[in-house]
């Protein structure tokens, strides 16, 4: 897991800044932005989300700031197979 503040990739840094600056509203805004996007973009975004969930499920350490996310990720991974989580590029 990368704990650096900067990745060197401006796109990743912009995504982090977007989520950080909007706080709780970021999910609602992002959902509204993506709900009418091209279906391939939606699938690619979900692929990223699933990969992140799989990574979160492997975390050994959490604290109150991310405990719910880690527990959710572990539950999702435990209840699904890799095949069920696969998001093919079509």
N, C-alpha and C. Protein backbone atom coordinates (compact mmCIF):
# COMPACT_ATOMS: atom_id res chain seq x y z
N UNK A 1 0.84 -1.17 0.00
CA UNK A 1 0.00 0.00 0.00
C UNK A 1 0.88 1.24 0.00
N UNK A 2 0.60 2.18 -0.85
CA UNK A 2 1.36 3.41 -0.96
C UNK A 2 0.85 4.42 0.05
N UNK A 3 1.72 4.84 0.96
CA UNK A 3 1.30 5.82 1.96
C UNK A 3 1.86 7.20 1.67
N UNK A 4 2.53 7.34 0.54
CA UNK A 4 3.07 8.65 0.16
C UNK A 4 1.93 9.60 -0.17
N UNK A 5 2.16 10.89 0.10
CA UNK A 5 1.15 11.89 -0.24
C UNK A 5 1.04 12.08 -1.75
N UNK A 6 2.13 11.91 -2.46
CA UNK A 6 2.14 12.11 -3.91
C UNK A 6 2.59 10.84 -4.59
N UNK A 7 1.94 10.50 -5.67
CA UNK A 7 2.30 9.28 -6.40
C UNK A 7 3.23 9.59 -7.57
N UNK A 8 3.25 10.84 -7.98
CA UNK A 8 3.97 11.20 -9.17
C UNK A 8 3.07 11.19 -10.39
N UNK A 9 1.91 10.58 -10.29
CA UNK A 9 0.96 10.55 -11.39
C UNK A 9 -0.09 11.63 -11.12
N UNK A 10 -0.14 12.67 -11.94
CA UNK A 10 -1.08 13.76 -11.68
C UNK A 10 -2.54 13.33 -11.68
N UNK A 11 -2.86 12.28 -12.42
CA UNK A 11 -4.26 11.81 -12.44
C UNK A 11 -4.64 11.20 -11.09
N UNK A 12 -3.74 10.44 -10.50
CA UNK A 12 -4.00 9.85 -9.19
C UNK A 12 -4.08 10.95 -8.14
N UNK A 13 -3.15 11.89 -8.22
CA UNK A 13 -3.15 12.99 -7.27
C UNK A 13 -4.43 13.83 -7.39
N UNK A 14 -4.93 14.00 -8.61
CA UNK A 14 -6.16 14.75 -8.82
C UNK A 14 -7.36 13.99 -8.24
N UNK A 15 -7.39 12.67 -8.41
CA UNK A 15 -8.48 11.87 -7.85
C UNK A 15 -8.46 11.93 -6.33
N UNK A 16 -7.27 11.84 -5.74
CA UNK A 16 -7.17 11.93 -4.29
C UNK A 16 -7.62 13.30 -3.80
N UNK A 17 -7.23 14.35 -4.50
CA UNK A 17 -7.63 15.70 -4.11
C UNK A 17 -9.13 15.88 -4.23
N UNK A 18 -9.73 15.30 -5.27
CA UNK A 18 -11.18 15.37 -5.47
C UNK A 18 -11.91 14.76 -4.28
N UNK A 19 -11.53 13.53 -3.92
CA UNK A 19 -12.19 12.84 -2.82
C UNK A 19 -11.95 13.57 -1.50
N UNK A 20 -10.72 14.00 -1.28
CA UNK A 20 -10.38 14.66 -0.03
C UNK A 20 -11.09 16.01 0.12
N UNK A 21 -11.19 16.76 -0.95
CA UNK A 21 -11.76 18.11 -0.86
C UNK A 21 -13.27 18.09 -0.67
N UNK A 22 -13.94 17.05 -1.15
CA UNK A 22 -15.39 17.00 -1.06
C UNK A 22 -15.89 16.18 0.12
N UNK A 23 -15.01 15.44 0.75
CA UNK A 23 -15.40 14.68 1.92
C UNK A 23 -16.58 13.77 1.66
N UNK A 24 -17.59 13.86 2.50
CA UNK A 24 -18.75 12.98 2.40
C UNK A 24 -19.54 13.18 1.12
N UNK A 25 -19.45 14.36 0.51
CA UNK A 25 -20.20 14.62 -0.72
C UNK A 25 -19.57 13.98 -1.94
N UNK A 26 -18.32 13.56 -1.86
CA UNK A 26 -17.62 13.04 -3.04
C UNK A 26 -18.33 11.84 -3.65
N UNK A 27 -18.87 10.95 -2.83
CA UNK A 27 -19.55 9.77 -3.37
C UNK A 27 -20.80 10.17 -4.15
N UNK A 28 -21.58 11.09 -3.61
CA UNK A 28 -22.79 11.53 -4.32
C UNK A 28 -22.44 12.22 -5.64
N UNK A 29 -21.44 13.07 -5.61
CA UNK A 29 -21.05 13.80 -6.83
C UNK A 29 -20.50 12.82 -7.87
N UNK A 30 -19.64 11.92 -7.44
CA UNK A 30 -19.07 10.96 -8.38
C UNK A 30 -20.15 10.04 -8.94
N UNK A 31 -21.07 9.60 -8.11
CA UNK A 31 -22.17 8.75 -8.58
C UNK A 31 -22.98 9.46 -9.66
N UNK A 32 -23.29 10.73 -9.44
CA UNK A 32 -24.07 11.48 -10.43
C UNK A 32 -23.28 11.68 -11.71
N UNK A 33 -21.97 11.86 -11.58
CA UNK A 33 -21.13 12.04 -12.77
C UNK A 33 -21.09 10.76 -13.60
N UNK A 34 -21.05 9.61 -12.95
CA UNK A 34 -20.84 8.35 -13.66
C UNK A 34 -22.12 7.65 -14.11
N UNK A 35 -23.26 7.99 -13.51
CA UNK A 35 -24.47 7.23 -13.83
C UNK A 35 -24.89 7.34 -15.29
N UNK A 36 -24.52 8.40 -15.97
CA UNK A 36 -24.87 8.55 -17.39
C UNK A 36 -23.67 8.44 -18.31
N UNK A 37 -22.55 8.00 -17.76
CA UNK A 37 -21.35 7.82 -18.58
C UNK A 37 -21.52 6.60 -19.48
N UNK A 38 -20.64 6.50 -20.44
CA UNK A 38 -20.58 5.34 -21.33
C UNK A 38 -20.43 4.08 -20.48
N UNK A 39 -21.09 3.02 -20.88
CA UNK A 39 -21.09 1.78 -20.09
C UNK A 39 -19.69 1.21 -19.90
N UNK A 40 -18.82 1.40 -20.86
CA UNK A 40 -17.44 0.93 -20.72
C UNK A 40 -16.73 1.70 -19.61
N UNK A 41 -16.96 3.00 -19.52
CA UNK A 41 -16.37 3.81 -18.45
C UNK A 41 -16.90 3.33 -17.09
N UNK A 42 -18.18 3.05 -17.03
CA UNK A 42 -18.75 2.55 -15.77
C UNK A 42 -18.10 1.23 -15.37
N UNK A 43 -17.92 0.34 -16.33
CA UNK A 43 -17.30 -0.96 -16.04
C UNK A 43 -15.85 -0.78 -15.60
N UNK A 44 -15.12 0.10 -16.25
CA UNK A 44 -13.73 0.36 -15.87
C UNK A 44 -13.64 0.94 -14.47
N UNK A 45 -14.56 1.83 -14.14
CA UNK A 45 -14.58 2.41 -12.80
C UNK A 45 -14.86 1.31 -11.76
N UNK A 46 -15.83 0.46 -12.05
CA UNK A 46 -16.13 -0.63 -11.13
C UNK A 46 -14.94 -1.57 -10.97
N UNK A 47 -14.20 -1.80 -12.06
CA UNK A 47 -13.00 -2.64 -11.98
C UNK A 47 -12.01 -2.04 -10.98
N UNK A 48 -11.85 -0.73 -11.03
CA UNK A 48 -10.97 -0.04 -10.07
C UNK A 48 -11.50 -0.18 -8.65
N UNK A 49 -12.80 -0.02 -8.48
CA UNK A 49 -13.41 -0.16 -7.15
C UNK A 49 -13.21 -1.56 -6.59
N UNK A 50 -13.43 -2.56 -7.42
CA UNK A 50 -13.27 -3.95 -6.98
C UNK A 50 -11.82 -4.21 -6.59
N UNK A 51 -10.89 -3.74 -7.38
CA UNK A 51 -9.46 -3.92 -7.07
C UNK A 51 -9.12 -3.26 -5.74
N UNK A 52 -9.67 -2.08 -5.52
CA UNK A 52 -9.43 -1.38 -4.26
C UNK A 52 -10.04 -2.15 -3.09
N UNK A 53 -11.24 -2.68 -3.28
CA UNK A 53 -11.89 -3.47 -2.23
C UNK A 53 -11.04 -4.70 -1.91
N UNK A 54 -10.52 -5.37 -2.94
CA UNK A 54 -9.67 -6.54 -2.72
C UNK A 54 -8.41 -6.16 -1.95
N UNK A 55 -7.82 -5.02 -2.28
CA UNK A 55 -6.64 -4.55 -1.55
C UNK A 55 -6.98 -4.20 -0.10
N UNK A 56 -8.10 -3.52 0.09
CA UNK A 56 -8.51 -3.15 1.45
C UNK A 56 -8.75 -4.40 2.30
N UNK A 57 -9.27 -5.44 1.70
CA UNK A 57 -9.54 -6.67 2.44
C UNK A 57 -8.27 -7.33 2.95
N UNK A 58 -7.13 -7.02 2.34
CA UNK A 58 -5.85 -7.60 2.74
C UNK A 58 -5.14 -6.79 3.83
N UNK A 59 -5.66 -5.63 4.15
CA UNK A 59 -4.99 -4.78 5.15
C UNK A 59 -5.02 -5.46 6.51
N UNK A 60 -3.88 -5.44 7.16
CA UNK A 60 -3.78 -6.01 8.50
C UNK A 60 -4.10 -4.98 9.57
N UNK A 61 -3.89 -3.73 9.26
CA UNK A 61 -4.06 -2.67 10.25
C UNK A 61 -5.14 -1.70 9.79
N UNK A 62 -5.98 -1.32 10.71
CA UNK A 62 -6.93 -0.25 10.45
C UNK A 62 -7.12 0.51 11.75
N UNK A 63 -7.67 1.69 11.65
CA UNK A 63 -8.03 2.44 12.84
C UNK A 63 -9.42 3.00 12.61
N UNK A 64 -9.89 3.84 13.48
CA UNK A 64 -11.27 4.33 13.37
C UNK A 64 -11.54 5.07 12.06
N UNK A 65 -10.50 5.59 11.42
CA UNK A 65 -10.70 6.34 10.18
C UNK A 65 -11.06 5.45 9.01
N UNK A 66 -10.61 4.19 9.02
CA UNK A 66 -10.92 3.32 7.88
C UNK A 66 -11.42 1.94 8.29
N UNK A 67 -11.70 1.74 9.54
CA UNK A 67 -12.11 0.41 10.03
C UNK A 67 -13.36 -0.10 9.31
N UNK A 68 -14.37 0.75 9.16
CA UNK A 68 -15.60 0.30 8.49
C UNK A 68 -15.33 -0.11 7.05
N UNK A 69 -14.46 0.62 6.36
CA UNK A 69 -14.12 0.29 4.97
C UNK A 69 -13.40 -1.05 4.89
N UNK A 70 -12.47 -1.29 5.80
CA UNK A 70 -11.72 -2.55 5.80
C UNK A 70 -12.65 -3.71 6.13
N UNK A 71 -13.51 -3.54 7.12
CA UNK A 71 -14.45 -4.61 7.47
C UNK A 71 -15.42 -4.90 6.33
N UNK A 72 -15.90 -3.85 5.68
CA UNK A 72 -16.78 -4.04 4.52
C UNK A 72 -16.05 -4.80 3.42
N UNK A 73 -14.83 -4.39 3.12
CA UNK A 73 -14.05 -5.04 2.06
C UNK A 73 -13.83 -6.51 2.38
N UNK A 74 -13.49 -6.81 3.62
CA UNK A 74 -13.28 -8.21 4.01
C UNK A 74 -14.56 -9.02 3.85
N UNK A 75 -15.70 -8.43 4.19
CA UNK A 75 -16.98 -9.14 4.05
C UNK A 75 -17.31 -9.39 2.58
N UNK A 76 -17.07 -8.41 1.72
CA UNK A 76 -17.35 -8.57 0.29
C UNK A 76 -16.48 -9.68 -0.29
N UNK A 77 -15.20 -9.65 0.01
CA UNK A 77 -14.28 -10.65 -0.53
C UNK A 77 -14.61 -12.04 0.02
N UNK A 78 -14.98 -12.12 1.28
CA UNK A 78 -15.31 -13.42 1.88
C UNK A 78 -16.57 -14.03 1.27
N UNK A 79 -17.48 -13.19 0.82
CA UNK A 79 -18.78 -13.68 0.33
C UNK A 79 -18.83 -13.83 -1.19
N UNK A 80 -17.74 -13.52 -1.86
CA UNK A 80 -17.72 -13.61 -3.32
C UNK A 80 -16.47 -14.35 -3.77
N UNK A 81 -16.54 -14.85 -4.99
CA UNK A 81 -15.37 -15.51 -5.59
C UNK A 81 -14.68 -14.51 -6.52
N UNK A 82 -13.42 -14.75 -6.84
CA UNK A 82 -12.75 -13.89 -7.81
C UNK A 82 -13.53 -13.79 -9.13
N UNK A 83 -14.12 -14.88 -9.54
CA UNK A 83 -14.91 -14.86 -10.78
C UNK A 83 -16.10 -13.91 -10.66
N UNK A 84 -16.76 -13.93 -9.51
CA UNK A 84 -17.90 -13.03 -9.30
C UNK A 84 -17.48 -11.57 -9.24
N UNK A 85 -16.24 -11.34 -8.82
CA UNK A 85 -15.75 -9.95 -8.74
C UNK A 85 -15.10 -9.48 -10.03
N UNK A 86 -14.95 -10.36 -11.00
CA UNK A 86 -14.29 -10.01 -12.26
C UNK A 86 -15.14 -9.00 -13.04
N UNK A 87 -14.48 -8.03 -13.61
CA UNK A 87 -15.13 -7.01 -14.43
C UNK A 87 -14.42 -7.01 -15.79
N UNK A 88 -14.89 -7.80 -16.72
CA UNK A 88 -14.20 -7.92 -18.01
C UNK A 88 -14.27 -6.64 -18.82
N UNK A 89 -13.27 -6.43 -19.62
CA UNK A 89 -13.28 -5.31 -20.56
C UNK A 89 -13.96 -5.80 -21.83
N UNK A 90 -15.06 -5.15 -22.19
CA UNK A 90 -15.82 -5.56 -23.37
C UNK A 90 -15.85 -4.41 -24.36
